[in-house]
Amino acid sequence: MLLKFPDNVPLFAVLGSLALPSSVQAELSSQLTVEVDGLRNQKGQICLSLFASGKGFPSNGTEAVQNQCMAITAMPQLVTFENLQPGSYAVAVLHDANNDGEANRNALGIPVEGFGFSRNPVIRTGPPKFNDAVVLVLGSSTKIQIQLNYF
């Protein structure tokens, strides 16, 4: 059978639509569910940022692939990032207890609100690097657990 397409349809668009059936293309979308453990209380909100590279990680949410802030309704709290391409990601979490949208610190620069990162790296003198927090998202669903830290 010979398929004929109008002259104004680019060839790559036709080939791209033939390359994978729509059911297979839909399966390429993944979701990442994060279980946030160790919340001290249900005051304020939790904010999560999902990064696909080290650019901006962990504190520059404008560089994140997705950001979510929500009221704390359960302990532990579950948060899902949807419509992700399979790949490597890192998550930063903040328990914004006073709802000001900021990671508050004391006079010495030490965080006064809970925070955490994917893979739960040991926190020493500063935030982890992207590679210390990276998780692989494959298949239709991946679930991770993040333990919050409070000082």
Protein backbone atom coordinates (compact mmCIF):
# COMPACT_ATOMS: atom_id res chain seq x y z
CA MET A 1 0.00 0.00 0.00
CA LEU A 2 1.36 3.42 -0.93
CA LEU A 3 0.66 6.30 1.45
CA LYS A 4 0.36 9.76 -0.03
CA PHE A 5 0.60 12.83 2.17
CA PRO A 6 -0.13 16.43 1.21
CA ASP A 7 2.89 18.43 0.07
CA ASN A 8 2.62 20.82 3.02
CA VAL A 9 3.11 18.06 5.66
CA PRO A 10 6.77 17.85 6.69
CA LEU A 11 8.22 14.37 6.26
CA PHE A 12 9.69 14.26 9.78
CA ALA A 13 6.22 14.87 11.27
CA VAL A 14 4.83 11.90 9.39
CA LEU A 15 7.78 9.66 10.25
CA GLY A 16 7.66 10.71 13.90
CA SER A 17 4.02 9.75 14.19
CA LEU A 18 4.70 6.37 12.58
CA ALA A 19 7.75 5.58 14.70
CA LEU A 20 5.87 4.59 17.86
CA PRO A 21 2.24 3.65 18.34
CA SER A 22 0.39 6.08 20.60
CA SER A 23 0.08 3.45 23.35
CA VAL A 24 3.87 3.09 23.46
CA GLN A 25 4.36 6.86 23.41
CA ALA A 26 2.02 7.18 26.40
CA GLU A 27 4.07 4.61 28.34
CA LEU A 28 7.16 6.79 27.95
CA SER A 29 5.62 9.22 30.43
CA SER A 30 6.63 8.48 34.01
CA GLN A 31 5.61 9.66 37.44
CA LEU A 32 7.66 10.06 40.60
CA THR A 33 5.95 9.74 43.97
CA VAL A 34 7.82 11.19 46.95
CA GLU A 35 7.01 10.08 50.50
CA VAL A 36 8.07 12.89 52.84
CA ASP A 37 8.85 11.46 56.28
CA GLY A 38 9.89 13.08 59.55
CA LEU A 39 7.58 16.10 59.54
CA ARG A 40 7.54 17.64 63.03
CA ASN A 41 3.97 18.86 62.65
CA GLN A 42 1.31 19.79 60.09
CA LYS A 43 1.84 23.56 60.33
CA GLY A 44 2.44 25.48 57.13
CA GLN A 45 3.15 23.73 53.86
CA ILE A 46 5.70 21.53 52.17
CA CYS A 47 7.39 22.65 48.98
CA LEU A 48 9.20 20.30 46.60
CA SER A 49 11.36 21.14 43.60
CA LEU A 50 12.27 18.54 40.97
CA PHE A 51 15.53 19.09 39.06
CA ALA A 52 16.75 17.32 35.92
CA SER A 53 20.29 18.70 36.21
CA GLY A 54 22.62 20.34 38.69
CA LYS A 55 21.73 23.79 37.37
CA GLY A 56 19.99 25.55 40.26
CA PHE A 57 19.90 22.51 42.54
CA PRO A 58 18.82 22.59 45.28
CA SER A 59 17.70 26.14 46.07
CA ASN A 60 16.85 27.84 42.76
CA GLY A 61 13.33 26.66 42.03
CA THR A 62 13.19 28.67 38.81
CA GLU A 63 15.61 26.11 37.32
CA ALA A 64 13.44 23.16 38.44
CA VAL A 65 11.47 21.00 36.03
CA GLN A 66 8.48 21.13 38.38
CA ASN A 67 7.67 22.80 41.71
CA GLN A 68 4.85 21.94 44.10
CA CYS A 69 3.75 23.51 47.39
CA MET A 70 0.83 22.13 49.35
CA ALA A 71 -0.77 22.07 52.76
CA ILE A 72 0.34 19.16 54.92
CA THR A 73 -2.61 16.80 55.14
CA ALA A 74 -0.92 13.59 56.28
CA MET A 75 2.20 12.35 58.03
CA PRO A 76 3.97 11.06 56.03
CA GLN A 77 2.90 13.24 53.11
CA LEU A 78 2.83 11.83 49.57
CA VAL A 79 3.55 14.10 46.59
CA THR A 80 3.52 12.98 42.95
CA PHE A 81 5.27 14.57 39.98
CA GLU A 82 3.57 13.51 36.74
CA ASN A 83 4.30 13.57 33.00
CA LEU A 84 8.04 13.06 33.38
CA GLN A 85 10.39 11.77 30.74
CA PRO A 86 12.36 8.78 32.00
CA GLY A 87 15.72 9.98 33.30
CA SER A 88 17.74 11.24 36.25
CA TYR A 89 16.20 13.69 38.71
CA ALA A 90 16.88 15.13 42.16
CA VAL A 91 14.28 16.42 44.62
CA ALA A 92 14.64 19.14 47.26
CA VAL A 93 11.98 19.43 50.00
CA LEU A 94 11.26 22.26 52.44
CA HIS A 95 8.82 22.21 55.37
CA ASP A 96 7.74 25.84 55.13
CA ALA A 97 6.25 25.93 58.62
CA ASN A 98 5.32 29.62 58.55
CA ASN A 99 3.99 29.68 54.95
CA ASP A 100 6.30 32.48 53.83
CA GLY A 101 7.72 30.65 50.80
CA GLU A 102 11.28 30.99 52.13
CA ALA A 103 13.84 28.65 53.66
CA ASN A 104 14.23 30.55 56.93
CA ARG A 105 17.59 30.57 58.75
CA ASN A 106 18.81 31.77 62.13
CA ALA A 107 21.48 34.45 62.66
CA LEU A 108 24.23 31.88 62.03
CA GLY A 109 22.71 30.82 58.69
CA ILE A 110 21.46 27.47 60.00
CA PRO A 111 18.04 26.38 58.65
CA VAL A 112 15.23 26.67 61.18
CA GLU A 113 12.71 24.75 59.05
CA GLY A 114 12.82 21.13 57.97
CA PHE A 115 14.46 20.19 54.68
CA GLY A 116 15.52 17.09 52.80
CA PHE A 117 16.79 15.70 49.51
CA SER A 118 16.29 12.60 47.43
CA ARG A 119 18.58 9.70 48.40
CA ASN A 120 18.82 11.28 51.88
CA PRO A 121 22.48 12.35 51.64
CA VAL A 122 24.35 13.19 54.84
CA ILE A 123 24.23 16.96 55.43
CA ARG A 124 27.48 18.45 56.68
CA THR A 125 28.43 22.06 55.96
CA GLY A 126 26.15 22.74 53.02
CA PRO A 127 23.60 21.32 50.63
CA PRO A 128 24.39 18.19 48.62
CA LYS A 129 25.49 18.19 45.00
CA PHE A 130 23.01 17.05 42.33
CA ASN A 131 24.86 13.74 41.86
CA ASP A 132 24.52 12.97 45.59
CA ALA A 133 20.74 13.26 45.36
CA VAL A 134 20.01 11.89 41.88
CA VAL A 135 17.41 9.14 41.41
CA LEU A 136 16.57 7.26 38.25
CA VAL A 137 12.95 7.51 37.10
CA LEU A 138 12.06 4.63 34.79
CA GLY A 139 8.87 2.87 33.81
CA SER A 140 5.46 4.26 34.54
CA SER A 141 5.98 4.86 38.27
CA THR A 142 8.88 5.32 40.69
CA LYS A 143 8.53 5.89 44.45
CA ILE A 144 11.17 7.35 46.77
CA GLN A 145 11.30 8.35 50.43
CA ILE A 146 12.83 11.57 51.78
CA GLN A 147 13.58 11.99 55.48
CA LEU A 148 13.40 15.62 56.65
CA ASN A 149 16.21 17.14 58.71
CA TYR A 150 15.68 19.71 61.47
CA PHE A 151 18.46 21.48 63.39
